[in-house]
């Protein structure tokens, strides 16, 4: 809360993030536990394509709107834990804040660890590093990033994608949505 008694933007953003997470869990509940367990065992279908291209739109809790792009490359098809259905990709990202009080650009790289829960659903964690470029010292410098997200696979080559996270959470956290095209 701020001094006027109204919630500040960061607490509103936190509530929105919790609602998004609760919605994702509610969407996954209709899957029976047996079907989910069978799909998570190694050998189930992993979406095709070693290269993924994703245009993004995003909103942040610090009054900004961003556009971005990510290119991913599959590097470990069966992931770090062979008995389960996972894969690892490296991903390059670029984001530009296009509306808000600050104008910054971000260029980074991250490792995306995907867990394929169901032929249509997968979730991921993506730690990374990058650099933000802004108009002053406060908005310029190296950042550590952390993102959590998921894919809804429409078919073998097109997926809807959503994620929450960003660099230096105190300053550049946000929600992003995009469409991934696998080549």
N, C-alpha and C. Protein backbone atom coordinates (compact mmCIF):
# COMPACT_ATOMS: atom_id res chain seq x y z
N UNK A 1 0.84 -1.18 0.00
CA UNK A 1 0.00 0.00 0.00
C UNK A 1 0.89 1.24 0.00
N UNK A 2 0.42 2.26 -0.69
CA UNK A 2 1.15 3.52 -0.63
C UNK A 2 0.50 4.41 0.43
N UNK A 3 0.99 5.62 0.57
CA UNK A 3 0.53 6.49 1.65
C UNK A 3 -0.89 7.00 1.47
N UNK A 4 -1.46 6.89 0.28
CA UNK A 4 -2.82 7.38 0.06
C UNK A 4 -3.86 6.34 0.42
N UNK A 5 -3.42 5.10 0.75
CA UNK A 5 -4.37 4.05 1.10
C UNK A 5 -4.74 3.17 -0.07
N UNK A 6 -4.33 3.51 -1.28
CA UNK A 6 -4.64 2.66 -2.42
C UNK A 6 -3.47 1.72 -2.70
N UNK A 7 -3.75 0.54 -3.27
CA UNK A 7 -2.67 -0.41 -3.52
C UNK A 7 -1.67 0.14 -4.55
N UNK A 8 -0.39 -0.12 -4.34
CA UNK A 8 0.59 0.33 -5.31
C UNK A 8 0.64 -0.64 -6.49
N UNK A 9 1.33 -0.25 -7.54
CA UNK A 9 1.36 -1.03 -8.78
C UNK A 9 1.99 -2.40 -8.58
N UNK A 10 3.03 -2.50 -7.74
CA UNK A 10 3.68 -3.79 -7.55
C UNK A 10 2.75 -4.79 -6.86
N UNK A 11 1.94 -4.35 -5.90
CA UNK A 11 1.02 -5.28 -5.26
C UNK A 11 -0.11 -5.66 -6.22
N UNK A 12 -0.54 -4.74 -7.06
CA UNK A 12 -1.54 -5.08 -8.07
C UNK A 12 -0.98 -6.10 -9.05
N UNK A 13 0.28 -5.91 -9.45
CA UNK A 13 0.93 -6.85 -10.35
C UNK A 13 1.05 -8.22 -9.69
N UNK A 14 1.40 -8.26 -8.41
CA UNK A 14 1.53 -9.53 -7.70
C UNK A 14 0.19 -10.26 -7.67
N UNK A 15 -0.90 -9.53 -7.43
CA UNK A 15 -2.23 -10.15 -7.44
C UNK A 15 -2.58 -10.68 -8.82
N UNK A 16 -2.23 -9.94 -9.87
CA UNK A 16 -2.48 -10.40 -11.23
C UNK A 16 -1.69 -11.67 -11.52
N UNK A 17 -0.43 -11.72 -11.09
CA UNK A 17 0.41 -12.90 -11.31
C UNK A 17 -0.18 -14.12 -10.60
N UNK A 18 -0.68 -13.94 -9.38
CA UNK A 18 -1.29 -15.04 -8.65
C UNK A 18 -2.54 -15.53 -9.37
N UNK A 19 -3.34 -14.61 -9.89
CA UNK A 19 -4.54 -15.01 -10.63
C UNK A 19 -4.19 -15.79 -11.90
N UNK A 20 -3.15 -15.36 -12.59
CA UNK A 20 -2.72 -16.07 -13.79
C UNK A 20 -2.28 -17.49 -13.43
N UNK A 21 -1.50 -17.64 -12.36
CA UNK A 21 -1.04 -18.96 -11.93
C UNK A 21 -2.22 -19.84 -11.52
N UNK A 22 -3.19 -19.28 -10.80
CA UNK A 22 -4.35 -20.05 -10.39
C UNK A 22 -5.19 -20.49 -11.59
N UNK A 23 -5.29 -19.63 -12.59
CA UNK A 23 -6.01 -19.99 -13.81
C UNK A 23 -5.32 -21.13 -14.53
N UNK A 24 -3.99 -21.09 -14.60
CA UNK A 24 -3.24 -22.16 -15.25
C UNK A 24 -3.45 -23.49 -14.54
N UNK A 25 -3.45 -23.48 -13.21
CA UNK A 25 -3.69 -24.70 -12.45
C UNK A 25 -5.11 -25.19 -12.70
N UNK A 26 -6.09 -24.30 -12.70
CA UNK A 26 -7.48 -24.69 -12.93
C UNK A 26 -7.66 -25.30 -14.32
N UNK A 27 -6.93 -24.80 -15.31
CA UNK A 27 -7.02 -25.35 -16.66
C UNK A 27 -6.42 -26.75 -16.73
N UNK A 28 -5.44 -27.04 -15.89
CA UNK A 28 -4.79 -28.35 -15.91
C UNK A 28 -5.57 -29.39 -15.12
N UNK A 29 -6.46 -28.99 -14.21
CA UNK A 29 -7.18 -29.93 -13.36
C UNK A 29 -8.04 -30.94 -14.13
N UNK A 30 -8.67 -30.56 -15.26
CA UNK A 30 -9.48 -31.55 -15.95
C UNK A 30 -8.70 -32.76 -16.46
N UNK A 31 -7.38 -32.65 -16.61
CA UNK A 31 -6.58 -33.79 -17.02
C UNK A 31 -6.53 -34.79 -15.87
N UNK A 32 -6.86 -36.06 -16.14
CA UNK A 32 -6.79 -37.04 -15.05
C UNK A 32 -5.34 -37.24 -14.65
N UNK A 33 -5.12 -37.62 -13.42
CA UNK A 33 -3.75 -37.82 -12.95
C UNK A 33 -3.07 -38.95 -13.72
N UNK A 34 -3.83 -40.00 -14.11
CA UNK A 34 -3.24 -41.09 -14.88
C UNK A 34 -2.80 -40.62 -16.26
N UNK A 35 -3.63 -39.81 -16.92
CA UNK A 35 -3.27 -39.30 -18.25
C UNK A 35 -2.07 -38.38 -18.15
N UNK A 36 -2.03 -37.55 -17.12
CA UNK A 36 -0.90 -36.64 -16.93
C UNK A 36 0.38 -37.43 -16.65
N UNK A 37 0.31 -38.46 -15.80
CA UNK A 37 1.48 -39.28 -15.50
C UNK A 37 1.96 -40.01 -16.74
N UNK A 38 1.04 -40.57 -17.53
CA UNK A 38 1.43 -41.28 -18.76
C UNK A 38 2.11 -40.34 -19.74
N UNK A 39 1.61 -39.13 -19.87
CA UNK A 39 2.19 -38.18 -20.81
C UNK A 39 3.56 -37.69 -20.36
N UNK A 40 3.78 -37.65 -19.05
CA UNK A 40 5.03 -37.12 -18.52
C UNK A 40 6.17 -38.14 -18.60
N UNK A 41 5.84 -39.41 -18.80
CA UNK A 41 6.88 -40.44 -18.91
C UNK A 41 7.58 -40.31 -20.24
N UNK A 42 8.91 -40.49 -20.23
CA UNK A 42 9.72 -40.36 -21.45
C UNK A 42 9.15 -41.21 -22.58
N UNK A 43 9.24 -40.69 -23.76
CA UNK A 43 8.78 -41.41 -24.93
C UNK A 43 7.54 -40.80 -25.55
N UNK A 44 6.86 -39.96 -24.82
CA UNK A 44 5.70 -39.28 -25.39
C UNK A 44 6.18 -38.22 -26.38
N UNK A 45 5.27 -37.72 -27.16
CA UNK A 45 5.62 -36.78 -28.21
C UNK A 45 6.11 -35.45 -27.67
N UNK A 46 7.26 -35.01 -28.17
CA UNK A 46 7.77 -33.67 -27.92
C UNK A 46 7.50 -32.90 -29.21
N UNK A 47 6.97 -31.68 -29.15
CA UNK A 47 6.69 -30.95 -30.39
C UNK A 47 7.90 -30.92 -31.31
N UNK A 48 7.62 -31.06 -32.59
CA UNK A 48 8.69 -31.13 -33.59
C UNK A 48 9.34 -29.77 -33.81
N UNK A 49 10.55 -29.81 -34.34
CA UNK A 49 11.25 -28.59 -34.69
C UNK A 49 12.35 -28.26 -33.72
N UNK A 50 13.56 -28.15 -34.23
CA UNK A 50 14.72 -27.83 -33.39
C UNK A 50 14.88 -26.33 -33.20
N UNK A 51 14.18 -25.53 -33.99
CA UNK A 51 14.28 -24.08 -33.92
C UNK A 51 12.87 -23.52 -33.70
N UNK A 52 12.74 -22.58 -32.75
CA UNK A 52 11.45 -21.93 -32.51
C UNK A 52 11.61 -20.43 -32.59
N UNK A 53 10.65 -19.77 -33.22
CA UNK A 53 10.65 -18.31 -33.34
C UNK A 53 9.37 -17.78 -32.70
N UNK A 54 9.52 -16.81 -31.78
CA UNK A 54 8.37 -16.31 -31.04
C UNK A 54 8.34 -14.79 -31.01
N UNK A 55 7.35 -14.15 -31.64
CA UNK A 55 7.12 -12.73 -31.37
C UNK A 55 6.29 -12.61 -30.08
N UNK A 56 6.60 -11.60 -29.25
CA UNK A 56 5.96 -11.40 -27.95
C UNK A 56 5.33 -10.02 -27.84
N UNK A 57 4.29 -9.93 -27.02
CA UNK A 57 3.77 -8.68 -26.48
C UNK A 57 3.80 -8.82 -24.97
N UNK A 58 4.12 -7.76 -24.27
CA UNK A 58 4.19 -7.86 -22.82
C UNK A 58 3.74 -6.61 -22.11
N UNK A 59 3.35 -6.79 -20.84
CA UNK A 59 3.02 -5.67 -19.97
C UNK A 59 3.83 -5.85 -18.70
N UNK A 60 4.21 -4.74 -18.09
CA UNK A 60 5.00 -4.81 -16.87
C UNK A 60 4.35 -4.03 -15.76
N UNK A 61 4.73 -4.37 -14.53
CA UNK A 61 4.13 -3.69 -13.38
C UNK A 61 4.68 -2.29 -13.19
N UNK A 62 5.70 -1.94 -13.94
CA UNK A 62 6.30 -0.62 -13.80
C UNK A 62 5.83 0.32 -14.93
N UNK A 63 4.56 0.20 -15.31
CA UNK A 63 3.95 1.07 -16.32
C UNK A 63 4.64 1.01 -17.68
N UNK A 64 4.84 -0.19 -18.21
CA UNK A 64 5.38 -0.24 -19.55
C UNK A 64 4.69 -1.32 -20.38
N UNK A 65 4.79 -1.18 -21.66
CA UNK A 65 4.30 -2.13 -22.65
C UNK A 65 5.49 -2.45 -23.53
N UNK A 66 5.71 -3.72 -23.84
CA UNK A 66 6.88 -4.09 -24.62
C UNK A 66 6.53 -5.02 -25.77
N UNK A 67 7.36 -4.98 -26.78
CA UNK A 67 7.32 -5.95 -27.86
C UNK A 67 8.67 -6.66 -27.85
N UNK A 68 8.68 -7.88 -28.32
CA UNK A 68 9.94 -8.61 -28.29
C UNK A 68 9.93 -9.80 -29.22
N UNK A 69 11.05 -10.47 -29.22
CA UNK A 69 11.25 -11.61 -30.10
C UNK A 69 12.20 -12.58 -29.42
N UNK A 70 11.94 -13.87 -29.55
CA UNK A 70 12.84 -14.90 -29.03
C UNK A 70 13.08 -15.94 -30.12
N UNK A 71 14.31 -16.40 -30.20
CA UNK A 71 14.68 -17.50 -31.09
C UNK A 71 15.29 -18.60 -30.24
N UNK A 72 14.74 -19.80 -30.31
CA UNK A 72 15.22 -20.91 -29.48
C UNK A 72 15.79 -22.02 -30.35
N UNK A 73 16.77 -22.72 -29.76
CA UNK A 73 17.44 -23.82 -30.45
C UNK A 73 17.52 -25.01 -29.50
N UNK A 74 16.94 -26.13 -29.90
CA UNK A 74 16.94 -27.34 -29.09
C UNK A 74 18.36 -27.87 -28.97
N UNK A 75 18.86 -28.05 -27.74
CA UNK A 75 20.23 -28.55 -27.56
C UNK A 75 20.28 -29.91 -26.86
N UNK A 76 19.31 -30.23 -26.02
CA UNK A 76 19.26 -31.53 -25.35
C UNK A 76 17.84 -32.08 -25.53
N UNK A 77 17.61 -32.89 -26.58
CA UNK A 77 16.24 -33.34 -26.90
C UNK A 77 15.55 -34.13 -25.79
N UNK A 78 16.30 -34.88 -24.99
CA UNK A 78 15.68 -35.68 -23.93
C UNK A 78 15.97 -35.12 -22.55
N UNK A 79 16.43 -33.89 -22.47
CA UNK A 79 16.57 -33.17 -21.22
C UNK A 79 17.63 -33.68 -20.28
N UNK A 80 17.66 -33.08 -19.10
CA UNK A 80 18.64 -33.42 -18.07
C UNK A 80 18.23 -34.65 -17.25
N UNK A 81 16.94 -35.00 -17.29
CA UNK A 81 16.43 -36.14 -16.52
C UNK A 81 15.79 -37.11 -17.50
N UNK A 82 16.55 -38.08 -18.03
CA UNK A 82 16.05 -38.96 -19.09
C UNK A 82 14.75 -39.71 -18.80
N UNK A 83 14.45 -40.15 -17.57
CA UNK A 83 13.21 -40.91 -17.38
C UNK A 83 11.93 -40.09 -17.57
N UNK A 84 12.02 -38.76 -17.52
CA UNK A 84 10.81 -37.96 -17.70
C UNK A 84 10.87 -37.23 -19.03
N UNK A 85 9.75 -36.73 -19.45
CA UNK A 85 9.60 -36.09 -20.76
C UNK A 85 9.99 -34.62 -20.67
N UNK A 86 11.29 -34.32 -20.89
CA UNK A 86 11.77 -32.95 -20.80
C UNK A 86 12.77 -32.71 -21.91
N UNK A 87 13.01 -31.45 -22.20
CA UNK A 87 14.00 -31.06 -23.22
C UNK A 87 14.60 -29.73 -22.80
N UNK A 88 15.76 -29.40 -23.38
CA UNK A 88 16.45 -28.16 -23.03
C UNK A 88 16.80 -27.42 -24.33
N UNK A 89 16.51 -26.13 -24.32
CA UNK A 89 16.83 -25.26 -25.45
C UNK A 89 17.61 -24.06 -24.95
N UNK A 90 18.40 -23.45 -25.82
CA UNK A 90 18.97 -22.14 -25.53
C UNK A 90 18.15 -21.14 -26.33
N UNK A 91 18.01 -19.95 -25.79
CA UNK A 91 17.12 -18.97 -26.40
C UNK A 91 17.75 -17.59 -26.33
N UNK A 92 17.74 -16.91 -27.44
CA UNK A 92 18.15 -15.52 -27.50
C UNK A 92 16.91 -14.65 -27.51
N UNK A 93 16.95 -13.52 -26.77
CA UNK A 93 15.78 -12.65 -26.69
C UNK A 93 16.17 -11.20 -26.92
N UNK A 94 15.21 -10.46 -27.43
CA UNK A 94 15.35 -9.01 -27.55
C UNK A 94 13.98 -8.40 -27.27
N UNK A 95 13.94 -7.39 -26.39
CA UNK A 95 12.69 -6.72 -26.04
C UNK A 95 12.90 -5.22 -26.08
N UNK A 96 11.87 -4.51 -26.47
CA UNK A 96 11.90 -3.05 -26.52
C UNK A 96 10.66 -2.52 -25.82
N UNK A 97 10.86 -1.68 -24.81
CA UNK A 97 9.73 -1.00 -24.17
C UNK A 97 9.22 0.07 -25.14
N UNK A 98 7.94 0.01 -25.45
CA UNK A 98 7.39 0.95 -26.43
C UNK A 98 6.42 1.95 -25.83
N UNK A 99 6.01 1.75 -24.61
CA UNK A 99 5.11 2.71 -23.96
C UNK A 99 5.38 2.66 -22.47
N UNK A 100 5.30 3.79 -21.84
CA UNK A 100 5.57 3.88 -20.41
C UNK A 100 6.52 5.03 -20.15
N UNK A 101 6.87 5.19 -18.90
CA UNK A 101 7.70 6.34 -18.56
C UNK A 101 9.16 6.14 -18.93
N UNK A 102 9.62 4.91 -19.08
CA UNK A 102 11.02 4.64 -19.43
C UNK A 102 11.08 3.96 -20.79
N UNK A 103 12.07 4.29 -21.56
CA UNK A 103 12.29 3.63 -22.85
C UNK A 103 13.59 2.85 -22.75
N UNK A 104 13.48 1.54 -22.72
CA UNK A 104 14.67 0.71 -22.62
C UNK A 104 14.59 -0.43 -23.63
N UNK A 105 15.73 -1.00 -23.92
CA UNK A 105 15.83 -2.20 -24.76
C UNK A 105 16.59 -3.25 -23.97
N UNK A 106 16.27 -4.51 -24.20
CA UNK A 106 16.92 -5.61 -23.51
C UNK A 106 17.37 -6.64 -24.53
N UNK A 107 18.60 -7.13 -24.40
CA UNK A 107 19.12 -8.21 -25.23
C UNK A 107 19.67 -9.26 -24.27
N UNK A 108 19.28 -10.52 -24.45
CA UNK A 108 19.73 -11.54 -23.51
C UNK A 108 19.76 -12.93 -24.08
N UNK A 109 20.21 -13.84 -23.25
CA UNK A 109 20.23 -15.25 -23.58
C UNK A 109 19.79 -16.03 -22.35
N UNK A 110 19.16 -17.18 -22.58
CA UNK A 110 18.70 -17.98 -21.46
C UNK A 110 18.63 -19.45 -21.84
N UNK A 111 18.61 -20.28 -20.82
CA UNK A 111 18.41 -21.70 -21.00
C UNK A 111 16.94 -21.98 -20.66
N UNK A 112 16.23 -22.61 -21.57
CA UNK A 112 14.81 -22.92 -21.32
C UNK A 112 14.67 -24.43 -21.13
N UNK A 113 14.24 -24.82 -19.94
CA UNK A 113 14.07 -26.23 -19.61
C UNK A 113 12.59 -26.53 -19.68
N UNK A 114 12.18 -27.28 -20.69
CA UNK A 114 10.77 -27.61 -20.93
C UNK A 114 10.40 -28.95 -20.32
N UNK A 115 9.22 -29.00 -19.72
CA UNK A 115 8.65 -30.24 -19.20
C UNK A 115 7.36 -30.48 -19.96
N UNK A 116 7.31 -31.57 -20.71
CA UNK A 116 6.18 -31.87 -21.60
C UNK A 116 5.18 -32.72 -20.82
N UNK A 117 4.16 -32.06 -20.27
CA UNK A 117 3.20 -32.70 -19.38
C UNK A 117 2.13 -33.47 -20.11
N UNK A 118 1.83 -33.05 -21.32
CA UNK A 118 0.71 -33.59 -22.10
C UNK A 118 1.04 -33.27 -23.55
N UNK A 119 0.55 -34.02 -24.50
CA UNK A 119 0.85 -33.68 -25.90
C UNK A 119 0.51 -32.24 -26.28
N UNK A 120 -0.46 -31.62 -25.59
CA UNK A 120 -0.81 -30.24 -25.91
C UNK A 120 -0.23 -29.22 -24.95
N UNK A 121 0.28 -29.63 -23.80
CA UNK A 121 0.74 -28.71 -22.77
C UNK A 121 2.19 -28.97 -22.40
N UNK A 122 2.96 -27.92 -22.26
CA UNK A 122 4.29 -28.02 -21.65
C UNK A 122 4.54 -26.75 -20.86
N UNK A 123 5.37 -26.88 -19.83
CA UNK A 123 5.73 -25.74 -18.99
C UNK A 123 7.25 -25.63 -18.98
N UNK A 124 7.75 -24.47 -18.58
CA UNK A 124 9.20 -24.29 -18.59
C UNK A 124 9.67 -23.31 -17.52
N UNK A 125 10.95 -23.44 -17.22
CA UNK A 125 11.68 -22.48 -16.41
C UNK A 125 12.84 -22.00 -17.27
N UNK A 126 13.12 -20.71 -17.24
CA UNK A 126 14.15 -20.15 -18.12
C UNK A 126 15.00 -19.12 -17.39
N UNK A 127 16.09 -19.57 -16.74
CA UNK A 127 17.03 -18.61 -16.16
C UNK A 127 17.94 -18.05 -17.26
N UNK A 128 18.38 -16.80 -17.10
CA UNK A 128 19.24 -16.22 -18.14
C UNK A 128 19.97 -14.98 -17.67
N UNK A 129 20.69 -14.41 -18.59
CA UNK A 129 21.43 -13.17 -18.36
C UNK A 129 21.24 -12.27 -19.57
N UNK A 130 21.47 -10.99 -19.37
CA UNK A 130 21.35 -10.06 -20.49
C UNK A 130 21.78 -8.67 -20.09
N UNK A 131 21.55 -7.76 -21.00
CA UNK A 131 21.89 -6.35 -20.77
C UNK A 131 20.71 -5.48 -21.16
N UNK A 132 20.43 -4.49 -20.31
CA UNK A 132 19.37 -3.52 -20.58
C UNK A 132 20.04 -2.19 -20.91
N UNK A 133 19.50 -1.54 -21.92
CA UNK A 133 20.02 -0.25 -22.36
C UNK A 133 18.93 0.78 -22.22
N UNK A 134 19.20 1.84 -21.47
CA UNK A 134 18.21 2.87 -21.25
C UNK A 134 18.80 4.25 -21.38
N UNK A 135 17.99 5.22 -21.02
CA UNK A 135 18.40 6.61 -21.17
C UNK A 135 19.12 7.17 -19.94
N UNK A 136 19.30 6.35 -18.90
CA UNK A 136 20.05 6.80 -17.73
C UNK A 136 20.70 5.60 -17.05
N UNK A 137 21.53 5.86 -16.05
CA UNK A 137 22.26 4.79 -15.37
C UNK A 137 21.35 3.81 -14.66
N UNK A 138 20.21 4.26 -14.17
CA UNK A 138 19.29 3.39 -13.45
C UNK A 138 18.76 2.28 -14.35
N UNK A 139 18.63 2.55 -15.63
CA UNK A 139 18.03 1.59 -16.56
C UNK A 139 19.04 0.98 -17.52
N UNK A 140 20.31 1.03 -17.23
CA UNK A 140 21.33 0.47 -18.09
C UNK A 140 22.21 -0.45 -17.27
N UNK A 141 22.47 -1.63 -17.81
CA UNK A 141 23.38 -2.54 -17.11
C UNK A 141 23.01 -3.99 -17.29
N UNK A 142 23.80 -4.85 -16.67
CA UNK A 142 23.60 -6.30 -16.74
C UNK A 142 22.41 -6.70 -15.86
N UNK A 143 21.72 -7.75 -16.27
CA UNK A 143 20.59 -8.26 -15.51
C UNK A 143 20.62 -9.77 -15.47
N UNK A 144 20.16 -10.32 -14.39
CA UNK A 144 19.88 -11.74 -14.28
C UNK A 144 18.38 -11.88 -14.47
N UNK A 145 17.96 -12.83 -15.31
CA UNK A 145 16.54 -12.98 -15.59
C UNK A 145 16.04 -14.33 -15.10
N UNK A 146 14.76 -14.40 -14.81
CA UNK A 146 14.10 -15.64 -14.41
C UNK A 146 12.68 -15.60 -14.93
N UNK A 147 12.33 -16.57 -15.75
CA UNK A 147 10.99 -16.62 -16.32
C UNK A 147 10.38 -18.01 -16.11
N UNK A 148 9.09 -18.05 -15.89
CA UNK A 148 8.31 -19.28 -15.85
C UNK A 148 7.23 -19.14 -16.90
N UNK A 149 6.98 -20.20 -17.63
CA UNK A 149 5.97 -20.08 -18.68
C UNK A 149 5.43 -21.42 -19.11
N UNK A 150 4.62 -21.35 -20.15
CA UNK A 150 4.02 -22.55 -20.68
C UNK A 150 3.62 -22.39 -22.13
N UNK A 151 3.44 -23.53 -22.78
CA UNK A 151 3.00 -23.60 -24.16
C UNK A 151 1.69 -24.37 -24.24
N UNK A 152 0.79 -23.93 -25.09
CA UNK A 152 -0.36 -24.73 -25.51
C UNK A 152 -0.12 -25.00 -26.99
N UNK A 153 0.15 -26.26 -27.32
CA UNK A 153 0.53 -26.64 -28.68
C UNK A 153 -0.73 -26.83 -29.53
N UNK A 154 -0.93 -25.95 -30.49
CA UNK A 154 -2.08 -26.05 -31.39
C UNK A 154 -1.88 -27.19 -32.38
N UNK A 155 -0.64 -27.38 -32.82
CA UNK A 155 -0.25 -28.49 -33.69
C UNK A 155 1.26 -28.67 -33.56
N UNK A 156 1.88 -29.42 -34.44
CA UNK A 156 3.32 -29.69 -34.33
C UNK A 156 4.19 -28.47 -34.60
N UNK A 157 3.65 -27.44 -35.23
CA UNK A 157 4.49 -26.30 -35.60
C UNK A 157 4.07 -24.97 -34.97
N UNK A 158 2.88 -24.87 -34.39
CA UNK A 158 2.41 -23.59 -33.83
C UNK A 158 1.93 -23.80 -32.39
N UNK A 159 2.43 -22.95 -31.49
CA UNK A 159 2.04 -23.01 -30.08
C UNK A 159 1.75 -21.62 -29.55
N UNK A 160 0.77 -21.52 -28.67
CA UNK A 160 0.54 -20.29 -27.92
C UNK A 160 1.46 -20.33 -26.71
N UNK A 161 2.02 -19.19 -26.34
CA UNK A 161 3.02 -19.17 -25.27
C UNK A 161 2.73 -18.01 -24.32
N UNK A 162 2.87 -18.27 -23.04
CA UNK A 162 2.73 -17.23 -22.04
C UNK A 162 3.82 -17.40 -20.99
N UNK A 163 4.28 -16.28 -20.42
CA UNK A 163 5.30 -16.37 -19.39
C UNK A 163 5.20 -15.19 -18.44
N UNK A 164 5.75 -15.41 -17.25
CA UNK A 164 5.84 -14.37 -16.25
C UNK A 164 7.30 -14.32 -15.79
N UNK A 165 7.80 -13.15 -15.56
CA UNK A 165 9.17 -13.03 -15.10
C UNK A 165 9.83 -11.80 -15.68
N UNK A 166 11.13 -11.87 -15.79
CA UNK A 166 11.89 -10.77 -16.34
C UNK A 166 13.19 -10.58 -15.60
N UNK A 167 13.84 -9.49 -15.88
CA UNK A 167 15.13 -9.21 -15.25
C UNK A 167 14.97 -8.37 -14.02
N UNK A 168 15.84 -8.60 -13.07
CA UNK A 168 15.86 -7.83 -11.83
C UNK A 168 14.43 -7.50 -11.38
N UNK A 169 13.76 -8.48 -10.83
CA UNK A 169 12.33 -8.42 -10.54
C UNK A 169 11.86 -7.11 -9.93
N UNK A 170 12.70 -6.46 -9.18
CA UNK A 170 12.26 -5.22 -8.55
C UNK A 170 12.00 -4.13 -9.57
N UNK A 171 12.49 -4.28 -10.78
CA UNK A 171 12.40 -3.19 -11.74
C UNK A 171 11.73 -3.57 -13.06
N UNK A 172 11.87 -4.80 -13.53
CA UNK A 172 11.40 -5.13 -14.87
C UNK A 172 10.66 -6.45 -14.95
N UNK A 173 9.78 -6.74 -14.01
CA UNK A 173 8.96 -7.95 -14.10
C UNK A 173 7.76 -7.71 -14.98
N UNK A 174 7.24 -8.78 -15.57
CA UNK A 174 6.06 -8.60 -16.41
C UNK A 174 5.45 -9.90 -16.88
N UNK A 175 4.36 -9.76 -17.60
CA UNK A 175 3.67 -10.87 -18.25
C UNK A 175 3.87 -10.73 -19.75
N UNK A 176 4.11 -11.86 -20.42
CA UNK A 176 4.28 -11.84 -21.88
C UNK A 176 3.42 -12.92 -22.51
N UNK A 177 2.97 -12.67 -23.71
CA UNK A 177 2.23 -13.65 -24.50
C UNK A 177 2.77 -13.62 -25.92
N UNK A 178 2.80 -14.78 -26.55
CA UNK A 178 3.30 -14.83 -27.91
C UNK A 178 2.82 -16.08 -28.62
N UNK A 179 3.22 -16.21 -29.86
CA UNK A 179 2.93 -17.38 -30.69
C UNK A 179 4.27 -17.92 -31.16
N UNK A 180 4.53 -19.19 -30.91
CA UNK A 180 5.78 -19.82 -31.31
C UNK A 180 5.59 -20.63 -32.58
N UNK A 181 6.49 -20.42 -33.52
CA UNK A 181 6.50 -21.18 -34.77
C UNK A 181 7.73 -22.06 -34.76
N UNK A 182 7.55 -23.36 -34.85
CA UNK A 182 8.67 -24.32 -34.86
C UNK A 182 9.04 -24.65 -36.29
N UNK A 183 10.34 -24.60 -36.54
CA UNK A 183 10.85 -24.88 -37.89
C UNK A 183 11.55 -26.22 -37.90
